[in-house]
Amino acid sequence: MAEIKPFRAIVYNKDKIKGLSSLVCPPYDVISPAGQEYYYAMDQYNFIHILLRKDSPGEDKYVASGETFRQWIKEKIFIQDASEAVYFYSHQYKIKGETKTRLGFIALLRLDDNNSSIFRHEHTKMPAKEDRLKLLRQVKANLSPIFAVFLDKKRIIQYSYQNYVKDKEPLLSVTDEEKNIHRIWKMDAPEVLENFRRKLKEEDIFIADGHHRYEVACAYRQESKERLGRITGEEPFNYIMTYFTNTDPRGLSILPIHRLVRFDTAIDFDSAMLKIEEYFDYEEIREKGHFFFLLEKSGCSQHVLGMYKDRKFFLLRLKNIKIADRLISDKPKEYRELDVSILNELILKNVFGLDVRTWRNIEFEQDPEEVIAGANENSSNVAFFLNPVRIQQIIAVAGAGERMPAKSTYFYPKVISGLLINKLE
C-alpha cells in the first residue's frame, strides 16, 4: 500500500519577493545550457541558483547551492508554512490549440524499495543520479516533487477540488513563460488529511517523472540510516515530496520522444530498406503535414513508425505483431507491443546494428522539427518518429515488473520547481 503524509512546505516569502513568476523554473532535467543562462539572468532569486547552479572557477557548485538555500532561509526569502498540509495543484495549459487543466496534489510519499504499490517504468543513468545525490547531500531538501500517477478509484482529486478548492483563493498563483497557469491551495483540515491518507492506501502509484530523484532519495535514506545507526522510520528522509495526479485524459498529456541517428560513416540505405521490408510495409509520403497526420491516425489501430532521410518521409507499418514476439522474446507481451520497443529492436538494432543500451549515435528530441533539422545536416543521418505511449501501456509494463525503453515518455507539462520545497532536516 502507498503511504503519504502532509508536510510543512518552504515557499517564497511574498512579503519579501514580488513577482513569483520570475522566480520559478522547470525541473533540472529539461533545462538546456541556454535555458540555464536564461533563468540565471531572470532574477537573482530565481530557483535555478539552487536547483541547477552554474559551474564557476574555484567553487563547488553543490556546496554553493546548499549555502545559498540556507542563506535565503536566514534572510527570509524562503519561509516555512506554519502547519502541515497537503497542497492541491491546478495546472492549466494549452496543447495543440486546446486548453486543458490537470488537477493533482503534492504530499510526501514514503520511500520503500520493496513496496509493491510503487511502480517504476524508466531506466536510470548513474551520472544523473550522482549529480542529484551530491546536491541532496548539501541542500538536505526535496527541491522538486517527483511526478506520480494513480487510477484514483475513489475520485479523491475531483472530490477535493469540488469541496475544498473550487472558488477559493489560491495560496500561490504563477504564470510561466509558456503561459501555463499554476495554482496551489493549502489543505490542512484534519479530516481532509486523513481522507487523503486513507484513500491513497488503496492505490498503486506509478512514477511518471523523477525516477532519478526517487532512487537518489533512497540512496540518501540509506546513507542517513548508516550514519545514525538507529532510526524510527519517521525521519523526514524516509519520504519524498511527490506530485500526484490521476489518469484522467482531460488533464494528462503524454508526448512522444523522437530519435535522430547520426551514423559515423555513410550507410547503404537501399540495403537497409530491403531489411526493413522483412518486417514492415512502407510508403513514401511527400508532404510533411500529411505525413504526421497519417502517423497519428494510423497509430490508433496499427504499430506504425515514421522515418525521415534525404528529405523524404516514410511510414513503416509492422506486418504482424508476431514478428516482434519472435525478435523480442525475452520481454513480456506488454513490452513487446510498445512502438518504441519495435523501433529499438527491429530497426535500430537488427537493421542498423546499433547498441540501443548505450545510446551511442542516438539523440532524443521531443520537437520533431529539431529532429528533421538534425537529419538534414548530414546525408548519413536518419530521423525516426513515434506516436506517444498511452498511460495504460505504462501501467501495464510497470505492472508486469518491466521497465520501459530509455526515453519513452514525455509527460507534459512539467511540474515547475520553486513552488514548494520539503526540508529533510
Protein backbone atom coordinates (compact mmCIF):
# COMPACT_ATOMS: atom_id res chain seq x y z
CA MET A 1 0.00 0.00 0.00
CA ALA A 2 1.11 3.58 -0.64
CA GLU A 3 1.70 5.72 2.44
CA ILE A 4 1.51 9.51 2.21
CA LYS A 5 1.63 12.30 4.76
CA PRO A 6 1.27 16.10 4.88
CA PHE A 7 4.27 18.41 5.35
CA ARG A 8 5.21 22.00 6.14
CA ALA A 9 6.35 23.37 2.81
CA ILE A 10 9.01 26.02 2.39
CA VAL A 11 7.84 28.71 -0.03
CA TYR A 12 8.99 32.06 -1.34
CA ASN A 13 8.06 34.87 1.07
CA LYS A 14 5.57 37.05 -0.79
CA ASP A 15 6.23 39.90 1.68
CA LYS A 16 9.88 39.93 0.59
CA ILE A 17 9.60 38.90 -3.04
CA LYS A 18 7.25 40.30 -5.66
CA GLY A 19 6.51 38.54 -8.92
CA LEU A 20 6.77 34.81 -8.23
CA SER A 21 6.66 34.05 -11.97
CA SER A 22 10.25 35.30 -12.35
CA LEU A 23 11.49 33.01 -9.59
CA VAL A 24 10.41 29.54 -10.70
CA CYS A 25 11.95 27.30 -13.35
CA PRO A 26 11.37 23.87 -14.94
CA PRO A 27 12.77 20.63 -13.45
CA TYR A 28 16.54 20.34 -13.80
CA ASP A 29 16.49 17.57 -16.40
CA VAL A 30 14.69 19.61 -19.07
CA ILE A 31 16.81 22.75 -18.70
CA SER A 32 19.30 23.21 -21.55
CA PRO A 33 22.55 25.21 -21.12
CA ALA A 34 20.82 28.11 -22.86
CA GLY A 35 17.86 27.72 -20.53
CA GLN A 36 20.17 27.77 -17.53
CA GLU A 37 21.60 31.10 -18.67
CA TYR A 38 18.08 32.42 -19.29
CA TYR A 39 16.84 31.65 -15.77
CA TYR A 40 20.09 32.85 -14.20
CA ALA A 41 19.59 36.26 -15.80
CA MET A 42 15.89 36.42 -14.98
CA ASP A 43 16.24 37.19 -11.26
CA GLN A 44 18.93 36.96 -8.57
CA TYR A 45 16.49 34.89 -6.52
CA ASN A 46 15.41 32.57 -9.32
CA PHE A 47 15.33 28.98 -8.10
CA ILE A 48 17.89 27.96 -10.73
CA HIS A 49 20.63 29.34 -8.41
CA ILE A 50 19.91 26.39 -6.08
CA LEU A 51 18.44 23.73 -8.37
CA LEU A 52 20.99 23.82 -11.20
CA ARG A 53 23.84 26.10 -10.28
CA LYS A 54 26.40 27.01 -12.93
CA ASP A 55 30.00 25.83 -12.73
CA SER A 56 32.28 28.62 -11.51
CA PRO A 57 36.08 28.52 -11.13
CA GLY A 58 37.13 27.74 -7.58
CA GLU A 59 33.59 26.98 -6.43
CA ASP A 60 31.93 23.66 -5.62
CA LYS A 61 28.52 24.27 -7.14
CA TYR A 62 26.79 21.75 -4.85
CA VAL A 63 28.20 23.34 -1.69
CA ALA A 64 27.27 26.76 -3.08
CA SER A 65 23.69 25.61 -3.70
CA GLY A 66 23.41 24.45 -0.09
CA GLU A 67 24.85 27.70 1.22
CA THR A 68 22.50 29.75 -0.96
CA PHE A 69 19.50 27.74 0.21
CA ARG A 70 20.35 28.27 3.88
CA GLN A 71 21.14 31.95 3.32
CA TRP A 72 17.78 32.57 1.66
CA ILE A 73 16.07 30.95 4.64
CA LYS A 74 18.10 33.13 7.01
CA GLU A 75 17.16 36.23 5.01
CA LYS A 76 13.51 35.10 4.98
CA ILE A 77 13.46 34.91 1.20
CA PHE A 78 12.12 31.45 1.98
CA ILE A 79 9.72 30.84 4.86
CA GLN A 80 8.23 27.62 6.19
CA ASP A 81 4.50 27.05 6.41
CA ALA A 82 3.08 27.13 9.92
CA SER A 83 1.13 23.86 9.70
CA GLU A 84 1.35 20.56 7.88
CA ALA A 85 -0.76 20.33 4.76
CA VAL A 86 -1.48 18.60 1.50
CA TYR A 87 -1.20 21.12 -1.33
CA PHE A 88 -3.73 20.97 -4.15
CA TYR A 89 -2.25 21.83 -7.57
CA SER A 90 -4.15 23.02 -10.66
CA HIS A 91 -2.12 23.24 -13.88
CA GLN A 92 -3.79 24.95 -16.86
CA TYR A 93 -2.01 24.66 -20.19
CA LYS A 94 -2.51 24.56 -23.95
CA ILE A 95 -1.65 21.72 -26.29
CA LYS A 96 -2.46 21.56 -30.00
CA GLY A 97 -4.69 24.60 -29.58
CA GLU A 98 -6.75 23.02 -26.79
CA THR A 99 -6.83 24.37 -23.24
CA LYS A 100 -6.56 21.61 -20.64
CA THR A 101 -6.41 21.55 -16.86
CA ARG A 102 -4.57 18.86 -14.92
CA LEU A 103 -5.58 18.54 -11.27
CA GLY A 104 -3.49 16.93 -8.57
CA PHE A 105 -1.89 17.44 -5.19
CA ILE A 106 1.54 17.48 -3.55
CA ALA A 107 2.26 15.42 -0.43
CA LEU A 108 5.04 13.23 0.94
CA LEU A 109 5.33 9.63 -0.24
CA ARG A 110 7.09 7.06 1.94
CA LEU A 111 10.14 5.57 0.25
CA ASP A 112 10.18 1.80 0.10
CA ASP A 113 12.33 -0.22 -2.30
CA ASN A 114 10.20 -3.28 -1.63
CA ASN A 115 6.80 -1.60 -1.76
CA SER A 116 4.74 -3.47 -4.32
CA SER A 117 2.39 -0.48 -4.61
CA ILE A 118 5.05 1.86 -6.05
CA PHE A 119 5.93 1.06 -9.66
CA ARG A 120 8.75 2.47 -11.75
CA HIS A 121 8.87 2.23 -15.53
CA GLU A 122 12.09 4.00 -16.52
CA HIS A 123 15.76 3.01 -16.57
CA THR A 124 18.11 5.47 -14.87
CA LYS A 125 21.66 6.60 -15.59
CA MET A 126 24.42 6.80 -12.98
CA PRO A 127 25.83 10.27 -13.90
CA ALA A 128 22.44 11.91 -13.37
CA LYS A 129 21.99 10.13 -10.04
CA GLU A 130 25.45 11.10 -8.85
CA ASP A 131 24.74 14.74 -9.73
CA ARG A 132 21.45 14.85 -7.82
CA LEU A 133 22.89 12.95 -4.82
CA LYS A 134 25.72 15.47 -4.48
CA LEU A 135 23.12 18.26 -4.47
CA LEU A 136 20.83 16.49 -2.00
CA ARG A 137 23.68 15.96 0.47
CA GLN A 138 24.25 19.73 0.54
CA VAL A 139 20.73 21.18 0.47
CA LYS A 140 19.11 18.39 2.52
CA ALA A 141 15.76 19.10 0.91
CA ASN A 142 13.47 17.91 -1.89
CA LEU A 143 13.70 20.83 -4.30
CA SER A 144 11.23 19.48 -6.88
CA PRO A 145 8.44 16.94 -6.48
CA ILE A 146 8.58 13.72 -8.41
CA PHE A 147 5.55 13.13 -10.67
CA ALA A 148 3.28 10.15 -9.89
CA VAL A 149 0.09 8.84 -11.46
CA PHE A 150 -2.64 6.69 -9.88
CA LEU A 151 -6.02 5.41 -11.01
CA ASP A 152 -7.94 7.40 -8.36
CA LYS A 153 -10.59 4.75 -7.89
CA LYS A 154 -12.29 6.84 -5.16
CA ARG A 155 -12.11 10.08 -7.20
CA ILE A 156 -10.34 11.89 -4.36
CA ILE A 157 -8.88 14.54 -6.66
CA GLN A 158 -12.22 15.60 -8.12
CA TYR A 159 -13.91 15.38 -4.69
CA SER A 160 -11.25 17.57 -3.11
CA TYR A 161 -11.45 20.10 -5.92
CA GLN A 162 -15.22 20.42 -5.68
CA ASN A 163 -15.41 20.54 -1.87
CA TYR A 164 -12.23 22.24 -0.69
CA VAL A 165 -10.67 24.14 -3.59
CA LYS A 166 -13.16 25.39 -6.15
CA ASP A 167 -13.99 29.10 -5.81
CA LYS A 168 -11.35 29.61 -3.08
CA GLU A 169 -8.35 31.92 -3.36
CA PRO A 170 -5.13 30.00 -4.02
CA LEU A 171 -2.10 30.21 -1.77
CA LEU A 172 0.14 30.66 -4.82
CA SER A 173 -0.54 31.52 -8.46
CA VAL A 174 2.14 31.57 -11.16
CA THR A 175 2.09 32.05 -14.93
CA ASP A 176 5.24 30.63 -16.51
CA GLU A 177 6.94 31.70 -19.74
CA GLU A 178 4.83 29.25 -21.76
CA LYS A 179 1.70 30.97 -20.37
CA ASN A 180 0.79 27.90 -18.32
CA ILE A 181 -1.05 28.79 -15.11
CA HIS A 182 -0.04 27.04 -11.87
CA ARG A 183 -2.22 27.42 -8.77
CA ILE A 184 -1.63 25.97 -5.30
CA TRP A 185 -4.17 25.66 -2.47
CA LYS A 186 -3.34 24.62 1.06
CA MET A 187 -5.50 21.89 2.64
CA ASP A 188 -4.76 21.29 6.32
CA ALA A 189 -8.08 20.34 7.95
CA PRO A 190 -7.52 17.06 9.90
CA GLU A 191 -10.44 15.28 8.24
CA VAL A 192 -9.13 16.21 4.77
CA LEU A 193 -5.64 14.94 5.54
CA GLU A 194 -6.98 11.69 6.93
CA ASN A 195 -9.16 11.24 3.86
CA PHE A 196 -6.13 11.57 1.58
CA ARG A 197 -4.06 9.18 3.70
CA ARG A 198 -6.76 6.53 3.88
CA LYS A 199 -7.72 6.57 0.21
CA LEU A 200 -4.17 6.57 -1.14
CA LYS A 201 -3.51 3.37 0.83
CA GLU A 202 -5.83 1.62 -1.63
CA GLU A 203 -3.96 2.83 -4.73
CA ASP A 204 -1.00 1.65 -6.78
CA ILE A 205 1.40 4.50 -7.50
CA PHE A 206 3.20 4.77 -10.85
CA ILE A 207 6.17 7.11 -11.05
CA ALA A 208 5.86 9.10 -14.28
CA ASP A 209 8.76 11.57 -13.93
CA GLY A 210 11.52 11.71 -11.35
CA HIS A 211 12.95 8.18 -11.37
CA HIS A 212 16.47 9.52 -10.79
CA ARG A 213 15.31 11.65 -7.86
CA TYR A 214 13.39 8.73 -6.36
CA GLU A 215 16.43 6.44 -6.48
CA VAL A 216 18.66 9.22 -5.15
CA ALA A 217 16.25 9.73 -2.23
CA CYS A 218 16.50 6.01 -1.46
CA ALA A 219 20.31 6.22 -1.56
CA TYR A 220 20.29 9.29 0.72
CA ARG A 221 17.98 7.50 3.15
CA GLN A 222 20.39 4.55 3.28
CA GLU A 223 23.34 6.88 3.92
CA SER A 224 21.39 8.58 6.70
CA LYS A 225 20.47 5.25 8.30
CA GLU A 226 24.11 4.15 8.27
CA ARG A 227 25.25 7.47 9.74
CA LEU A 228 22.67 7.50 12.55
CA GLY A 229 22.73 3.81 13.39
CA ARG A 230 19.17 3.58 14.71
CA ILE A 231 16.13 5.30 13.21
CA THR A 232 12.40 5.33 13.93
CA GLY A 233 11.27 5.23 10.30
CA GLU A 234 9.53 8.58 10.64
CA GLU A 235 12.55 10.78 9.96
CA PRO A 236 11.97 13.22 7.07
CA PHE A 237 14.46 11.38 4.82
CA ASN A 238 12.09 8.39 4.75
CA TYR A 239 9.77 10.38 2.47
CA ILE A 240 9.95 12.22 -0.84
CA MET A 241 7.89 15.19 -1.99
CA THR A 242 5.54 13.93 -4.71
CA TYR A 243 3.02 15.42 -7.11
CA PHE A 244 0.07 13.05 -7.59
CA THR A 245 -2.38 13.17 -10.48
CA ASN A 246 -4.78 10.64 -11.94
CA THR A 247 -5.16 9.06 -15.37
CA ASP A 248 -7.97 11.39 -16.46
CA PRO A 249 -7.21 12.12 -20.16
CA ARG A 250 -8.82 15.55 -19.85
CA GLY A 251 -5.73 16.70 -17.97
CA LEU A 252 -2.95 14.17 -18.53
CA SER A 253 -0.87 14.60 -21.70
CA ILE A 254 1.98 12.36 -22.81
CA LEU A 255 4.14 13.39 -25.77
CA PRO A 256 6.46 11.19 -27.84
CA ILE A 257 10.24 11.46 -27.83
CA HIS A 258 11.71 11.10 -31.33
CA ARG A 259 15.12 9.77 -32.38
CA LEU A 260 17.91 11.18 -34.51
CA VAL A 261 20.62 8.72 -35.51
CA ARG A 262 23.95 10.21 -36.55
CA PHE A 263 25.93 7.48 -38.30
CA ASP A 264 29.73 7.73 -38.24
CA THR A 265 30.01 6.74 -41.89
CA ALA A 266 27.74 6.65 -44.93
CA ILE A 267 25.19 3.85 -44.84
CA ASP A 268 23.82 1.67 -47.63
CA PHE A 269 20.24 2.89 -47.33
CA ASP A 270 18.93 0.70 -50.16
CA SER A 271 20.17 -2.41 -48.37
CA ALA A 272 18.66 -1.13 -45.12
CA MET A 273 15.28 -0.69 -46.79
CA LEU A 274 15.40 -4.29 -48.03
CA LYS A 275 15.86 -5.44 -44.43
CA ILE A 276 13.10 -3.13 -43.23
CA GLU A 277 10.78 -4.70 -45.80
CA GLU A 278 11.13 -8.02 -43.98
CA TYR A 279 9.27 -6.53 -41.02
CA PHE A 280 7.31 -3.56 -42.36
CA ASP A 281 5.15 -2.40 -45.22
CA TYR A 282 6.29 1.11 -46.08
CA GLU A 283 5.24 4.04 -48.21
CA GLU A 284 6.83 7.36 -49.02
CA ILE A 285 4.82 10.46 -48.04
CA ARG A 286 5.77 13.66 -49.84
CA GLU A 287 4.17 16.35 -47.69
CA LYS A 288 5.26 16.81 -44.06
CA GLY A 289 1.87 17.78 -42.62
CA HIS A 290 0.18 14.82 -44.29
CA PHE A 291 2.93 12.52 -43.03
CA PHE A 292 2.39 13.47 -39.39
CA PHE A 293 -1.39 13.30 -39.82
CA LEU A 294 -1.13 9.73 -41.15
CA LEU A 295 1.38 8.74 -38.45
CA GLU A 296 -1.02 9.80 -35.71
CA LYS A 297 -4.13 8.42 -37.40
CA SER A 298 -2.58 5.04 -38.27
CA GLY A 299 -1.17 4.72 -34.75
CA CYS A 300 -4.69 4.39 -33.36
CA SER A 301 -5.03 0.88 -34.82
CA GLN A 302 -1.57 -0.22 -36.02
CA HIS A 303 2.04 -0.35 -34.98
CA VAL A 304 3.40 2.39 -37.21
CA LEU A 305 6.71 4.28 -37.16
CA GLY A 306 7.89 7.34 -39.06
CA MET A 307 11.26 7.69 -40.77
CA TYR A 308 12.96 10.63 -42.50
CA LYS A 309 16.08 10.59 -44.66
CA ASP A 310 17.35 12.67 -47.59
CA ARG A 311 14.34 15.00 -47.19
CA LYS A 312 11.88 12.11 -47.68
CA PHE A 313 9.27 10.88 -45.21
CA PHE A 314 8.38 7.19 -44.85
CA LEU A 315 5.59 5.44 -42.94
CA LEU A 316 6.56 1.99 -41.69
CA ARG A 317 3.68 -0.34 -40.75
CA LEU A 318 4.57 -3.51 -38.86
CA LYS A 319 3.35 -6.50 -40.89
CA ASN A 320 2.49 -8.70 -37.91
CA ILE A 321 2.97 -8.38 -34.15
CA LYS A 322 4.29 -11.96 -34.18
CA ILE A 323 7.50 -10.56 -35.69
CA ALA A 324 8.04 -8.54 -32.50
CA ASP A 325 7.07 -11.56 -30.39
CA ARG A 326 9.82 -13.58 -32.09
CA LEU A 327 12.58 -10.94 -32.02
CA ILE A 328 11.85 -9.58 -28.52
CA SER A 329 11.04 -12.93 -26.95
CA ASP A 330 12.95 -12.22 -23.73
CA LYS A 331 10.49 -9.47 -22.72
CA PRO A 332 6.84 -9.66 -21.59
CA LYS A 333 3.98 -9.05 -24.01
CA GLU A 334 3.32 -5.56 -22.61
CA TYR A 335 6.88 -4.52 -23.50
CA ARG A 336 6.91 -6.14 -26.96
CA GLU A 337 3.81 -4.22 -28.03
CA LEU A 338 5.36 -0.78 -27.47
CA ASP A 339 6.20 1.10 -30.67
CA VAL A 340 9.45 2.26 -29.09
CA SER A 341 10.43 -1.36 -28.40
CA ILE A 342 9.67 -2.25 -32.01
CA LEU A 343 11.78 0.67 -33.23
CA ASN A 344 14.70 -0.18 -30.93
CA GLU A 345 14.83 -3.92 -31.56
CA LEU A 346 13.67 -4.37 -35.14
CA ILE A 347 15.14 -1.28 -36.80
CA LEU A 348 17.89 0.33 -34.73
CA LYS A 349 19.36 -2.99 -33.55
CA ASN A 350 18.51 -5.57 -36.24
CA VAL A 351 18.61 -3.36 -39.34
CA PHE A 352 21.27 -0.78 -38.45
CA GLY A 353 23.26 -2.75 -35.85
CA LEU A 354 23.13 -0.06 -33.16
CA ASP A 355 23.55 -0.69 -29.45
CA VAL A 356 20.37 0.81 -28.00
CA ARG A 357 21.65 0.32 -24.44
CA THR A 358 24.46 2.85 -24.71
CA TRP A 359 22.58 5.49 -26.78
CA ARG A 360 25.72 5.91 -28.90
CA ASN A 361 24.88 7.70 -32.16
CA ILE A 362 21.30 8.30 -30.93
CA GLU A 363 19.91 11.69 -29.90
CA PHE A 364 16.49 12.21 -28.33
CA GLU A 365 14.25 15.17 -29.03
CA GLN A 366 10.62 15.98 -28.28
CA ASP A 367 10.33 18.58 -31.06
CA PRO A 368 10.01 16.86 -34.49
CA GLU A 369 11.31 19.97 -36.26
CA GLU A 370 14.59 19.68 -34.37
CA VAL A 371 14.91 16.05 -35.44
CA ILE A 372 14.24 16.95 -39.08
CA ALA A 373 16.82 19.74 -38.94
CA GLY A 374 19.37 17.34 -37.50
CA ALA A 375 18.71 14.79 -40.23
CA ASN A 376 19.23 17.46 -42.89
CA GLU A 377 22.70 18.30 -41.54
CA ASN A 378 24.31 15.18 -42.98
CA SER A 379 23.21 12.67 -45.62
CA SER A 380 24.14 9.81 -43.26
CA ASN A 381 21.68 10.93 -40.58
CA VAL A 382 18.27 9.29 -40.19
CA ALA A 383 15.32 10.50 -38.10
CA PHE A 384 12.63 8.32 -36.56
CA PHE A 385 9.26 9.46 -35.24
CA LEU A 386 6.95 7.83 -32.72
CA ASN A 387 3.39 8.21 -31.51
CA PRO A 388 3.03 8.87 -27.77
CA VAL A 389 2.88 5.99 -25.33
CA ARG A 390 -0.53 5.65 -23.67
CA ILE A 391 -0.78 5.77 -19.88
CA GLN A 392 -2.43 2.33 -19.93
CA GLN A 393 0.69 0.93 -21.61
CA ILE A 394 2.96 2.47 -18.98
CA ILE A 395 0.85 0.98 -16.20
CA ALA A 396 0.80 -2.43 -17.94
CA VAL A 397 4.60 -2.50 -18.41
CA ALA A 398 5.29 -1.39 -14.84
CA GLY A 399 2.72 -3.82 -13.51
CA ALA A 400 4.49 -6.65 -15.35
CA GLY A 401 7.68 -5.80 -13.45
CA GLU A 402 9.42 -4.39 -16.53
CA ARG A 403 10.98 -1.01 -17.32
CA MET A 404 10.21 0.99 -20.45
CA PRO A 405 12.95 1.52 -23.04
CA ALA A 406 15.01 4.64 -22.46
CA LYS A 407 13.40 7.97 -23.36
CA SER A 408 9.94 6.55 -24.00
CA THR A 409 7.73 9.16 -22.39
CA TYR A 410 7.48 12.92 -22.01
CA PHE A 411 4.75 13.92 -19.57
CA TYR A 412 3.60 17.42 -20.45
CA PRO A 413 3.65 19.94 -18.99
CA LYS A 414 6.25 19.54 -16.26
CA VAL A 415 5.60 20.48 -12.65
CA ILE A 416 7.67 23.61 -12.16
CA SER A 417 10.36 23.90 -9.49
CA GLY A 418 10.38 26.53 -6.78
CA LEU A 419 6.74 26.49 -5.74
CA LEU A 420 7.17 24.16 -2.76
CA ILE A 421 10.26 22.73 -1.02
CA ASN A 422 10.42 19.93 1.56
CA LYS A 423 13.22 20.12 4.14
CA LEU A 424 14.73 16.81 5.21
CA GLU A 425 16.24 18.16 8.43
